[in-house]
């Protein structure tokens, strides 16, 4: 910066105009505040060319979009510095980073006033802005009015629908596209995954892969791996890992973190650790969090806490998700005092405000250890309203320790928060049964029946040859269900014969 100031001083002394060079140098740092002061200090209003340089830098950065709008507004007030097509494109692009389409709509009106429509670049920028700010009716109206739509335009509209959760509209547009690229496919894959439609995400990814139309990139892989993790599609995850290694993508921190999370959630914690170690110095806080959480969930609380301390030694600052993992590790290890200490350390020393999931972990830790009253006092002292997970943790602890009094309190809140969930009624009834209060058991079942609460049928997922199959008890939706049940009957018969030969017929145990 000192060198830039020396150049500026030398230019002023000699009367030379070095504004363009100075602006380029300042924006490489970047120092947006100094760049704006440089333009404001000019004797004459800056040219459109110079203003566009700063507008472009604003739009490509994470600075508040109001700075870009302020500069654009000043250009509109100057006769010798009128905005051109590029000015509008940069300003509209900056508005895409805001949460409100207000300024973007104002720019849309100015586009008409300045007579720049129809223009493909401005059209695309406006469409992207409306999609990013979830103002989809305006985006779709603009999309339908466009006489020429390139792939970027289609992708922007699809992404907008997917981000808002309207996957049906996104899918329809996707199928209508005249041509697709990797961004088109990734938009659908990530859209399904982010909206917890994991099976659809995997189906879309497999379709892309089998067609061979495009090659997945890093964003595609980091979108599909979480879907594999949620449904337990580890075979597909292994194929993706092979692709990652073949294309030297493991060094990408996001891909590496997604692989670690996939293996951890699929139950292969040793493989997750191997990938985590292999990623090496490329690991970021997300990688550490995935591994700490994975170890904690699988009951390896010592390894989880050890990794947490290793993380701190390497100078990586823990975040709120990190403490969710370590508190969960304390729960599995029964480390009540350590859990309390870490909770205090997070809040008072690292200044991380505890979120509801942290309170949930601490309630679960106290409850499992038998400190039910302390857990209940913690719930009452929470700065936010307890959710179903909090009361569910207390109810679960009451079930384990047979505390019907606190169970009634927790269940009453759960009946209000989750009126659709029959599981809470079942747990409360089981607690009453465990303490011999059969009249209360009958009352709960009568209440459950009166509210027409029925336990929803559970389903299982199984991965076969890279495809996911869902099935229920006595499910006959599969096209080969007759063959499947025939084979099951044969298995039952064989198992019964084996039991008879050994002197004990245990066939009934399997029904």
Protein backbone atom coordinates (compact mmCIF):
# COMPACT_ATOMS: atom_id res chain seq x y z
CA UNK A 1 0.00 0.00 0.00
CA UNK A 2 2.91 2.35 0.72
CA UNK A 3 4.20 1.80 -2.81
CA UNK A 4 0.79 2.71 -4.25
CA UNK A 5 0.72 5.91 -2.21
CA UNK A 6 4.21 6.80 -3.48
CA UNK A 7 3.06 6.33 -7.10
CA UNK A 8 0.00 8.49 -6.38
CA UNK A 9 2.12 11.24 -4.82
CA UNK A 10 4.56 11.16 -7.76
CA UNK A 11 1.67 11.40 -10.26
CA UNK A 12 0.14 14.35 -8.43
CA UNK A 13 3.52 16.14 -8.32
CA UNK A 14 4.04 15.70 -12.07
CA UNK A 15 0.40 16.35 -12.97
CA UNK A 16 0.09 12.94 -14.65
CA UNK A 17 -3.17 11.01 -14.68
CA UNK A 18 -2.39 7.58 -13.25
CA UNK A 19 -5.89 6.94 -11.89
CA UNK A 20 -6.52 3.80 -13.96
CA UNK A 21 -3.21 2.20 -12.95
CA UNK A 22 -3.65 3.16 -9.29
CA UNK A 23 -7.20 1.79 -9.27
CA UNK A 24 -6.00 -1.54 -10.69
CA UNK A 25 -3.28 -1.79 -8.06
CA UNK A 26 -5.63 -0.89 -5.19
CA UNK A 27 -8.23 -3.44 -6.30
CA UNK A 28 -5.63 -6.19 -6.37
CA UNK A 29 -5.12 -5.79 -2.60
CA UNK A 30 -8.15 -5.13 -2.43
CA UNK A 31 -8.91 -1.94 -0.52
CA UNK A 32 -12.39 -0.87 -1.65
CA UNK A 33 -12.61 2.08 0.72
CA UNK A 34 -9.37 3.59 -0.61
CA UNK A 35 -10.45 2.89 -4.21
CA UNK A 36 -13.68 4.83 -3.70
CA UNK A 37 -11.83 7.73 -2.04
CA UNK A 38 -9.47 7.82 -5.04
CA UNK A 39 -12.39 8.34 -7.44
CA UNK A 40 -14.08 10.89 -5.18
CA UNK A 41 -10.85 12.90 -4.93
CA UNK A 42 -10.63 13.47 -8.69
CA UNK A 43 -11.04 17.08 -9.84
CA UNK A 44 -13.44 16.04 -12.57
CA UNK A 45 -16.09 13.29 -12.19
CA UNK A 46 -14.58 9.88 -12.98
CA UNK A 47 -15.27 8.30 -16.35
CA UNK A 48 -17.72 5.44 -16.85
CA UNK A 49 -14.72 3.23 -17.59
CA UNK A 50 -13.15 3.89 -14.17
CA UNK A 51 -16.43 3.53 -12.31
CA UNK A 52 -17.08 0.21 -14.04
CA UNK A 53 -13.75 -1.10 -12.79
CA UNK A 54 -14.85 -0.49 -9.21
CA UNK A 55 -18.40 -1.74 -9.88
CA UNK A 56 -17.02 -4.99 -11.27
CA UNK A 57 -14.78 -5.44 -8.22
CA UNK A 58 -17.71 -4.77 -5.90
CA UNK A 59 -19.94 -7.29 -7.67
CA UNK A 60 -17.28 -10.01 -7.57
CA UNK A 61 -16.55 -9.58 -3.85
CA UNK A 62 -18.34 -10.20 -0.57
CA UNK A 63 -18.56 -6.52 0.38
CA UNK A 64 -21.96 -5.04 1.18
CA UNK A 65 -23.86 -4.57 -2.07
CA UNK A 66 -24.94 -1.09 -0.89
CA UNK A 67 -21.45 0.20 -1.77
CA UNK A 68 -22.00 -0.88 -5.36
CA UNK A 69 -25.48 0.65 -5.47
CA UNK A 70 -24.16 3.92 -4.01
CA UNK A 71 -21.52 4.21 -6.74
CA UNK A 72 -24.05 3.32 -9.44
CA UNK A 73 -26.46 5.96 -8.10
CA UNK A 74 -23.75 8.61 -8.22
CA UNK A 75 -23.08 7.68 -11.86
CA UNK A 76 -26.76 8.23 -12.70
CA UNK A 77 -26.53 11.76 -11.29
CA UNK A 78 -23.49 12.65 -13.44
CA UNK A 79 -23.91 13.78 -17.04
CA UNK A 80 -20.40 12.81 -18.08
CA UNK A 81 -20.43 9.44 -16.30
CA UNK A 82 -23.60 7.76 -17.41
CA UNK A 83 -23.95 4.01 -16.72
CA UNK A 84 -23.71 1.70 -19.72
CA UNK A 85 -24.62 -1.95 -20.24
CA UNK A 86 -21.62 -3.12 -18.23
CA UNK A 87 -22.55 -0.81 -15.35
CA UNK A 88 -26.03 -2.29 -15.16
CA UNK A 89 -24.71 -5.85 -15.37
CA UNK A 90 -22.27 -5.29 -12.49
CA UNK A 91 -24.82 -3.49 -10.31
CA UNK A 92 -27.51 -6.13 -10.87
CA UNK A 93 -24.97 -8.85 -10.13
CA UNK A 94 -24.14 -7.16 -6.81
CA UNK A 95 -27.85 -7.13 -5.92
CA UNK A 96 -27.89 -10.91 -6.34
CA UNK A 97 -25.94 -11.13 -3.08
CA UNK A 98 -28.66 -9.30 -1.13
CA UNK A 99 -31.63 -10.91 0.57
CA UNK A 100 -34.16 -8.50 -0.93
CA UNK A 101 -34.96 -7.88 -4.62
CA UNK A 102 -35.92 -4.23 -3.93
CA UNK A 103 -32.77 -2.65 -5.38
CA UNK A 104 -32.70 -5.17 -8.22
CA UNK A 105 -36.25 -4.28 -9.21
CA UNK A 106 -35.33 -0.59 -9.18
CA UNK A 107 -32.42 -1.37 -11.52
CA UNK A 108 -34.80 -3.36 -13.73
CA UNK A 109 -36.97 -0.24 -14.08
CA UNK A 110 -33.90 1.89 -14.88
CA UNK A 111 -32.90 -0.58 -17.59
CA UNK A 112 -36.16 0.23 -19.38
CA UNK A 113 -35.67 3.95 -18.79
CA UNK A 114 -32.18 3.84 -20.30
CA UNK A 115 -33.44 1.71 -23.21
CA UNK A 116 -31.10 -1.27 -22.71
CA UNK A 117 -33.73 -4.00 -23.15
CA UNK A 118 -33.75 -6.41 -24.79
CA UNK A 119 -30.09 -7.24 -24.12
CA UNK A 120 -28.92 -10.80 -23.46
CA UNK A 121 -26.38 -9.88 -20.77
CA UNK A 122 -28.74 -7.60 -18.85
CA UNK A 123 -31.59 -10.12 -19.20
CA UNK A 124 -29.40 -12.90 -17.80
CA UNK A 125 -28.16 -10.72 -14.92
CA UNK A 126 -31.73 -9.77 -13.99
CA UNK A 127 -32.88 -13.38 -14.18
CA UNK A 128 -30.00 -14.50 -11.99
CA UNK A 129 -30.74 -11.72 -9.50
CA UNK A 130 -34.44 -12.63 -9.21
CA UNK A 131 -33.58 -16.32 -8.85
CA UNK A 132 -30.96 -15.69 -6.17
CA UNK A 133 -33.34 -13.47 -4.18
CA UNK A 134 -36.16 -16.07 -4.48
CA UNK A 135 -38.40 -13.67 -6.43
CA UNK A 136 -39.32 -16.50 -8.77
CA UNK A 137 -42.52 -15.11 -10.39
CA UNK A 138 -40.51 -12.15 -11.74
CA UNK A 139 -37.69 -14.49 -12.78
CA UNK A 140 -40.07 -16.80 -14.63
CA UNK A 141 -41.84 -13.89 -16.35
CA UNK A 142 -38.48 -12.62 -17.57
CA UNK A 143 -37.44 -16.12 -18.61
CA UNK A 144 -40.61 -16.63 -20.67
CA UNK A 145 -40.13 -13.25 -22.38
CA UNK A 146 -36.60 -14.04 -23.54
CA UNK A 147 -36.38 -14.79 -27.24
CA UNK A 148 -32.98 -16.49 -26.88
CA UNK A 149 -32.04 -18.58 -23.86
CA UNK A 150 -28.55 -19.98 -23.41
CA UNK A 151 -27.61 -22.77 -20.97
CA UNK A 152 -26.65 -20.24 -18.28
CA UNK A 153 -30.17 -18.79 -18.41
CA UNK A 154 -31.80 -22.20 -18.03
CA UNK A 155 -29.42 -23.10 -15.22
CA UNK A 156 -30.18 -19.89 -13.33
CA UNK A 157 -33.91 -20.55 -13.47
CA UNK A 158 -33.49 -24.20 -12.41
CA UNK A 159 -31.23 -23.22 -9.52
CA UNK A 160 -33.76 -20.63 -8.36
CA UNK A 161 -36.56 -23.20 -8.27
CA UNK A 162 -34.34 -25.78 -6.54
CA UNK A 163 -33.18 -23.30 -3.91
CA UNK A 164 -36.79 -22.40 -3.08
CA UNK A 165 -37.73 -26.08 -2.78
CA UNK A 166 -39.88 -26.24 -5.93
CA UNK A 167 -38.16 -29.30 -7.36
CA UNK A 168 -41.09 -30.19 -9.61
CA UNK A 169 -40.77 -26.94 -11.56
CA UNK A 170 -36.98 -27.30 -11.58
CA UNK A 171 -37.25 -30.86 -12.93
CA UNK A 172 -39.71 -29.85 -15.66
CA UNK A 173 -37.37 -27.12 -16.88
CA UNK A 174 -34.44 -29.50 -16.68
CA UNK A 175 -36.20 -32.07 -18.87
CA UNK A 176 -37.18 -29.34 -21.38
CA UNK A 177 -33.63 -28.04 -21.80
CA UNK A 178 -32.32 -28.31 -25.36
CA UNK A 179 -28.80 -28.95 -24.03
CA UNK A 180 -27.28 -29.48 -20.59
CA UNK A 181 -23.89 -29.03 -18.99
CA UNK A 182 -22.42 -30.14 -15.66
CA UNK A 183 -23.97 -27.12 -13.90
CA UNK A 184 -27.44 -28.20 -15.07
CA UNK A 185 -27.02 -31.68 -13.63
CA UNK A 186 -25.38 -30.40 -10.44
CA UNK A 187 -28.21 -27.93 -9.85
CA UNK A 188 -30.72 -30.79 -9.80
CA UNK A 189 -28.51 -33.14 -7.77
CA UNK A 190 -27.73 -30.51 -5.11
CA UNK A 191 -31.33 -29.26 -5.15
CA UNK A 192 -32.68 -32.70 -4.31
CA UNK A 193 -29.97 -33.28 -1.70
CA UNK A 194 -30.45 -29.91 0.03
CA UNK A 195 -34.21 -30.51 0.19
CA UNK A 196 -33.65 -33.94 1.79
CA UNK A 197 -34.82 -35.81 -1.32
CA UNK A 198 -31.76 -38.03 -1.21
CA UNK A 199 -33.06 -40.92 -3.29
CA UNK A 200 -33.99 -38.54 -6.12
CA UNK A 201 -30.56 -36.93 -5.86
CA UNK A 202 -28.86 -40.31 -6.25
CA UNK A 203 -31.16 -41.29 -9.11
CA UNK A 204 -30.28 -38.06 -10.94
CA UNK A 205 -26.56 -38.57 -10.35
CA UNK A 206 -26.65 -42.17 -11.61
CA UNK A 207 -28.55 -41.06 -14.69
CA UNK A 208 -25.90 -38.42 -15.41
CA UNK A 209 -23.09 -40.90 -14.84
CA UNK A 210 -24.61 -43.66 -16.97
CA UNK A 211 -25.41 -41.30 -19.85
CA UNK A 212 -21.83 -40.03 -19.87
CA UNK A 213 -23.12 -36.70 -21.11
CA UNK A 214 -20.91 -34.69 -18.72
CA UNK A 215 -18.17 -35.37 -16.20
CA UNK A 216 -18.92 -34.60 -12.55
CA UNK A 217 -16.91 -31.77 -11.04
CA UNK A 218 -16.00 -30.97 -7.44
CA UNK A 219 -19.36 -29.29 -6.77
CA UNK A 220 -21.25 -32.30 -8.14
CA UNK A 221 -19.31 -34.66 -5.90
CA UNK A 222 -19.76 -32.55 -2.76
CA UNK A 223 -23.50 -32.48 -3.52
CA UNK A 224 -24.00 -36.22 -4.06
CA UNK A 225 -21.80 -37.55 -1.24
CA UNK A 226 -24.07 -36.16 1.54
CA UNK A 227 -27.01 -37.90 -0.16
CA UNK A 228 -25.05 -41.17 -0.12
CA UNK A 229 -24.32 -40.59 3.56
CA UNK A 230 -27.98 -40.07 4.50
CA UNK A 231 -29.29 -43.22 2.78
CA UNK A 232 -26.25 -45.40 3.49
CA UNK A 233 -25.25 -45.84 -0.16
CA UNK A 234 -21.64 -46.74 0.65
CA UNK A 235 -21.10 -48.82 -2.52
CA UNK A 236 -21.87 -45.77 -4.63
CA UNK A 237 -19.66 -43.71 -2.30
CA UNK A 238 -16.79 -46.11 -2.95
CA UNK A 239 -17.23 -45.71 -6.71
CA UNK A 240 -17.18 -41.95 -6.27
CA UNK A 241 -13.99 -42.23 -4.20
CA UNK A 242 -12.38 -44.23 -7.02
CA UNK A 243 -13.38 -41.48 -9.47
CA UNK A 244 -12.00 -38.85 -7.09
CA UNK A 245 -8.64 -40.62 -6.91
CA UNK A 246 -8.46 -41.20 -10.67
CA UNK A 247 -8.96 -37.49 -11.26
CA UNK A 248 -6.70 -36.28 -8.40
CA UNK A 249 -9.58 -34.52 -6.61
CA UNK A 250 -8.85 -35.73 -3.08
CA UNK A 251 -6.76 -32.63 -2.45
CA UNK A 252 -9.94 -30.57 -2.79
CA UNK A 253 -10.86 -29.86 0.83
CA UNK A 254 -14.62 -29.95 0.17
CA UNK A 255 -14.48 -33.28 -1.66
CA UNK A 256 -12.24 -34.75 1.04
CA UNK A 257 -14.56 -33.55 3.82
CA UNK A 258 -17.60 -34.96 2.00
CA UNK A 259 -15.89 -38.35 1.66
CA UNK A 260 -15.02 -38.38 5.36
CA UNK A 261 -18.61 -37.57 6.29
CA UNK A 262 -19.99 -40.19 3.89
CA UNK A 263 -17.89 -43.03 5.32
CA UNK A 264 -18.54 -41.92 8.90
CA UNK A 265 -22.32 -41.79 8.46
CA UNK A 266 -22.32 -45.10 6.57
CA UNK A 267 -20.66 -46.77 9.54
CA UNK A 268 -17.16 -47.30 8.14
CA UNK A 269 -15.44 -45.11 10.70
CA UNK A 270 -11.97 -46.60 10.10
CA UNK A 271 -12.16 -45.78 6.39
CA UNK A 272 -13.36 -42.28 7.29
CA UNK A 273 -10.30 -41.82 9.50
CA UNK A 274 -7.99 -43.14 6.77
CA UNK A 275 -9.37 -40.59 4.26
CA UNK A 276 -9.21 -37.87 6.91
CA UNK A 277 -5.52 -38.56 7.54
CA UNK A 278 -4.80 -38.79 3.83
CA UNK A 279 -6.30 -35.37 3.13
CA UNK A 280 -3.57 -34.07 5.45
CA UNK A 281 -2.86 -30.37 5.62
CA UNK A 282 -5.70 -29.63 3.19
CA UNK A 283 -8.16 -30.32 6.00
CA UNK A 284 -10.34 -27.44 7.13
CA UNK A 285 -12.60 -27.07 10.15
CA UNK A 286 -15.39 -28.94 8.30
CA UNK A 287 -13.11 -31.98 7.89
CA UNK A 288 -12.26 -31.99 11.59
CA UNK A 289 -15.91 -31.53 12.56
CA UNK A 290 -17.04 -34.44 10.37
CA UNK A 291 -14.46 -36.76 11.91
CA UNK A 292 -15.06 -35.63 15.51
CA UNK A 293 -18.80 -36.05 15.06
CA UNK A 294 -18.41 -39.41 13.30
CA UNK A 295 -16.28 -40.83 16.10
CA UNK A 296 -18.70 -39.53 18.72
CA UNK A 297 -21.77 -41.00 17.01
CA UNK A 298 -20.08 -44.40 16.79
CA UNK A 299 -19.33 -44.41 20.51
CA UNK A 300 -15.59 -43.85 20.12
CA UNK A 301 -15.69 -40.96 22.53
CA UNK A 302 -12.02 -41.20 23.58
CA UNK A 303 -10.86 -40.90 19.96
CA UNK A 304 -13.31 -38.06 19.38
CA UNK A 305 -12.05 -36.02 22.32
CA UNK A 306 -8.43 -36.82 21.45
CA UNK A 307 -9.01 -35.53 17.92
CA UNK A 308 -10.62 -32.39 19.35
CA UNK A 309 -7.47 -31.66 21.39
CA UNK A 310 -5.30 -32.41 18.35
CA UNK A 311 -7.35 -29.94 16.36
CA UNK A 312 -6.74 -27.20 18.92
CA UNK A 313 -3.01 -27.94 19.04
CA UNK A 314 -2.82 -27.36 15.29
CA UNK A 315 -4.28 -23.90 15.80
CA UNK A 316 -7.65 -24.61 14.23
CA UNK A 317 -10.34 -22.69 16.09
CA UNK A 318 -13.38 -24.80 17.02
CA UNK A 319 -16.81 -23.61 15.93
CA UNK A 320 -20.28 -24.33 17.29
CA UNK A 321 -20.65 -27.60 15.32
CA UNK A 322 -17.36 -28.82 16.82
CA UNK A 323 -18.83 -28.60 20.30
CA UNK A 324 -21.92 -30.52 19.25
CA UNK A 325 -19.57 -33.39 18.45
CA UNK A 326 -17.48 -33.19 21.62
CA UNK A 327 -20.55 -32.88 23.85
CA UNK A 328 -21.97 -35.94 22.14
CA UNK A 329 -18.67 -37.72 22.84
CA UNK A 330 -18.99 -36.80 26.52
CA UNK A 331 -22.52 -38.22 26.50
CA UNK A 332 -21.31 -41.58 25.19
CA UNK A 333 -18.47 -41.61 27.70
CA UNK A 334 -20.64 -40.52 30.63
CA UNK A 335 -18.29 -37.59 31.24
CA UNK A 336 -20.66 -35.24 33.00
CA UNK A 337 -18.08 -32.87 34.50
CA UNK A 338 -16.04 -32.77 31.28
CA UNK A 339 -19.19 -31.97 29.32
CA UNK A 340 -20.06 -29.12 31.66
CA UNK A 341 -16.50 -27.78 31.43
CA UNK A 342 -16.53 -27.83 27.64
CA UNK A 343 -19.92 -26.12 27.59
CA UNK A 344 -18.54 -23.34 29.79
CA UNK A 345 -15.32 -23.16 27.74
CA UNK A 346 -17.30 -22.69 24.55
CA UNK A 347 -19.44 -19.92 26.01
CA UNK A 348 -17.05 -17.96 28.24
CA UNK A 349 -13.61 -18.43 26.66
CA UNK A 350 -14.36 -18.84 22.94
CA UNK A 351 -17.43 -16.56 23.09
CA UNK A 352 -19.54 -19.03 21.11
CA UNK A 353 -23.17 -18.61 22.11
CA UNK A 354 -24.65 -22.05 22.81
CA UNK A 355 -27.32 -23.03 20.33
CA UNK A 356 -30.29 -25.25 21.00
CA UNK A 357 -28.40 -28.36 19.84
CA UNK A 358 -25.72 -27.73 22.49
CA UNK A 359 -28.38 -27.53 25.20
CA UNK A 360 -29.87 -30.72 23.77
CA UNK A 361 -26.53 -32.52 24.07
CA UNK A 362 -26.07 -31.32 27.66
CA UNK A 363 -29.62 -32.33 28.62
CA UNK A 364 -28.99 -35.74 27.07
CA UNK A 365 -25.65 -36.05 28.94
CA UNK A 366 -27.20 -35.15 32.30
CA UNK A 367 -30.27 -37.28 31.70
CA UNK A 368 -28.38 -40.42 30.74
CA UNK A 369 -26.16 -40.05 33.81
CA UNK A 370 -29.25 -39.91 36.01
CA UNK A 371 -29.17 -36.18 36.82
CA UNK A 372 -32.78 -35.75 35.71
CA UNK A 373 -33.67 -32.81 37.95
CA UNK A 374 -30.53 -30.95 36.89
CA UNK A 375 -31.42 -31.62 33.26
CA UNK A 376 -34.92 -30.27 33.85
CA UNK A 377 -33.52 -27.15 35.59
CA UNK A 378 -31.23 -26.58 32.61
CA UNK A 379 -34.21 -26.75 30.25
CA UNK A 380 -36.08 -24.16 32.33
CA UNK A 381 -33.05 -21.82 32.27
CA UNK A 382 -32.52 -21.96 28.51
CA UNK A 383 -32.56 -18.55 26.76
CA UNK A 384 -34.65 -20.01 23.93
CA UNK A 385 -37.81 -22.11 23.83
CA UNK A 386 -37.00 -25.84 24.14
CA UNK A 387 -37.86 -27.81 21.02
CA UNK A 388 -39.02 -31.40 20.58
CA UNK A 389 -35.43 -32.70 20.58
CA UNK A 390 -34.82 -31.20 24.05
CA UNK A 391 -37.98 -32.64 25.59
CA UNK A 392 -37.40 -35.89 23.71
CA UNK A 393 -33.96 -36.23 25.32
CA UNK A 394 -35.48 -35.73 28.76
CA UNK A 395 -38.30 -38.20 28.04
CA UNK A 396 -35.77 -40.77 26.86
CA UNK A 397 -33.75 -40.32 30.04
CA UNK A 398 -36.90 -40.69 32.12
CA UNK A 399 -37.59 -43.94 30.29
CA UNK A 400 -34.14 -45.27 31.13
CA UNK A 401 -34.31 -44.23 34.80
CA UNK A 402 -38.06 -44.91 35.24
CA UNK A 403 -39.00 -41.41 36.34
CA UNK A 404 -42.71 -41.08 35.64
CA UNK A 405 -43.08 -37.63 37.22
CA UNK A 406 -40.70 -35.78 34.89
CA UNK A 407 -41.78 -38.00 32.01
CA UNK A 408 -45.31 -36.59 32.30
CA UNK A 409 -43.96 -33.02 32.04
CA UNK A 410 -41.76 -33.81 29.02
CA UNK A 411 -44.52 -35.78 27.30
CA UNK A 412 -47.05 -32.97 27.76
CA UNK A 413 -44.78 -30.57 25.88
CA UNK A 414 -44.08 -33.17 23.20
CA UNK A 415 -47.81 -33.77 22.65
CA UNK A 416 -48.10 -30.05 21.80
CA UNK A 417 -44.91 -29.80 19.74
CA UNK A 418 -45.36 -33.09 17.88
CA UNK A 419 -49.09 -33.86 17.83
CA UNK A 420 -48.51 -36.14 14.85
CA UNK A 421 -45.90 -38.34 16.58
CA UNK A 422 -47.36 -41.46 18.27
CA UNK A 423 -43.92 -42.52 19.53
CA UNK A 424 -44.14 -40.11 22.47
CA UNK A 425 -47.36 -41.77 23.67
CA UNK A 426 -45.73 -45.19 23.40
CA UNK A 427 -42.68 -44.13 25.43
CA UNK A 428 -44.83 -42.58 28.16
CA UNK A 429 -46.99 -45.71 28.32
CA UNK A 430 -43.86 -47.87 28.63
CA UNK A 431 -42.56 -45.71 31.49
CA UNK A 432 -45.86 -46.10 33.35
CA UNK A 433 -45.70 -49.85 32.75
CA UNK A 434 -42.13 -50.01 34.08
CA UNK A 435 -43.28 -48.56 37.44
CA UNK A 436 -46.46 -50.68 37.54
CA UNK A 437 -48.91 -47.82 36.96
CA UNK A 438 -51.28 -49.78 34.73
CA UNK A 439 -54.21 -47.38 35.05
CA UNK A 440 -51.98 -44.66 33.59
CA UNK A 441 -50.95 -47.01 30.79
CA UNK A 442 -54.60 -47.54 29.89
CA UNK A 443 -55.22 -43.77 30.01
CA UNK A 444 -52.34 -43.04 27.59
CA UNK A 445 -53.47 -45.71 25.13
CA UNK A 446 -57.04 -44.43 25.34
CA UNK A 447 -55.78 -40.89 24.73
CA UNK A 448 -53.70 -42.08 21.81
CA UNK A 449 -56.66 -43.94 20.33
CA UNK A 450 -58.96 -40.96 20.86
CA UNK A 451 -56.59 -38.74 18.91
CA UNK A 452 -56.30 -41.39 16.20
CA UNK A 453 -52.56 -41.68 16.56
CA UNK A 454 -51.17 -44.66 14.71
CA UNK A 455 -47.57 -45.73 14.47
CA UNK A 456 -46.34 -45.07 10.96
CA UNK A 457 -44.99 -48.04 9.09
CA UNK A 458 -41.21 -48.01 9.12
CA UNK A 459 -39.27 -48.72 5.97
CA UNK A 460 -35.78 -49.87 5.14
CA UNK A 461 -33.39 -48.98 2.35
CA UNK A 462 -31.04 -51.43 0.73
CA UNK A 463 -28.36 -50.68 -1.84
CA UNK A 464 -27.91 -53.17 -4.67
CA UNK A 465 -25.65 -52.65 -7.68
CA UNK A 466 -25.51 -48.94 -6.94
CA UNK A 467 -29.31 -48.54 -6.81
CA UNK A 468 -31.39 -47.82 -3.71
CA UNK A 469 -34.52 -49.88 -2.95
CA UNK A 470 -37.11 -48.97 -0.31
CA UNK A 471 -39.35 -51.65 1.21
CA UNK A 472 -41.98 -51.93 3.95
CA UNK A 473 -43.29 -54.88 5.94
CA UNK A 474 -45.35 -57.07 3.58
CA UNK A 475 -44.55 -54.63 0.79
CA UNK A 476 -45.56 -55.86 -2.68
CA UNK A 477 -44.71 -52.76 -4.72
CA UNK A 478 -41.51 -54.22 -6.15
CA UNK A 479 -42.02 -55.71 -9.65
CA UNK A 480 -40.35 -58.94 -8.50
CA UNK A 481 -42.11 -59.16 -5.13
CA UNK A 482 -43.51 -62.64 -5.89
CA UNK A 483 -40.03 -64.01 -6.56
CA UNK A 484 -38.70 -62.27 -3.43
CA UNK A 485 -41.39 -63.75 -1.16
CA UNK A 486 -40.96 -67.16 -2.76
CA UNK A 487 -37.25 -67.07 -1.94
CA UNK A 488 -38.01 -65.91 1.61
CA UNK A 489 -40.41 -68.81 2.09
CA UNK A 490 -37.71 -71.22 0.95
CA UNK A 491 -35.26 -69.64 3.40
CA UNK A 492 -37.77 -69.99 6.26
CA UNK A 493 -38.34 -73.67 5.40
CA UNK A 494 -34.60 -74.39 5.32
CA UNK A 495 -34.07 -72.56 8.61
CA UNK A 496 -36.91 -74.55 10.16
CA UNK A 497 -35.41 -77.83 8.99
CA UNK A 498 -32.03 -76.85 10.40
CA UNK A 499 -33.70 -76.05 13.72
CA UNK A 500 -35.54 -79.38 13.70
CA UNK A 501 -32.33 -81.29 12.97
CA UNK A 502 -30.63 -79.63 15.91
CA UNK A 503 -33.52 -80.59 18.19
CA UNK A 504 -34.85 -77.02 18.48
CA UNK A 505 -37.31 -75.60 15.99
CA UNK A 506 -36.88 -71.84 16.03
CA UNK A 507 -38.74 -71.07 12.83
CA UNK A 508 -41.37 -69.14 14.76
CA UNK A 509 -38.70 -66.70 15.95
CA UNK A 510 -38.44 -65.31 12.45
CA UNK A 511 -42.12 -64.31 12.11
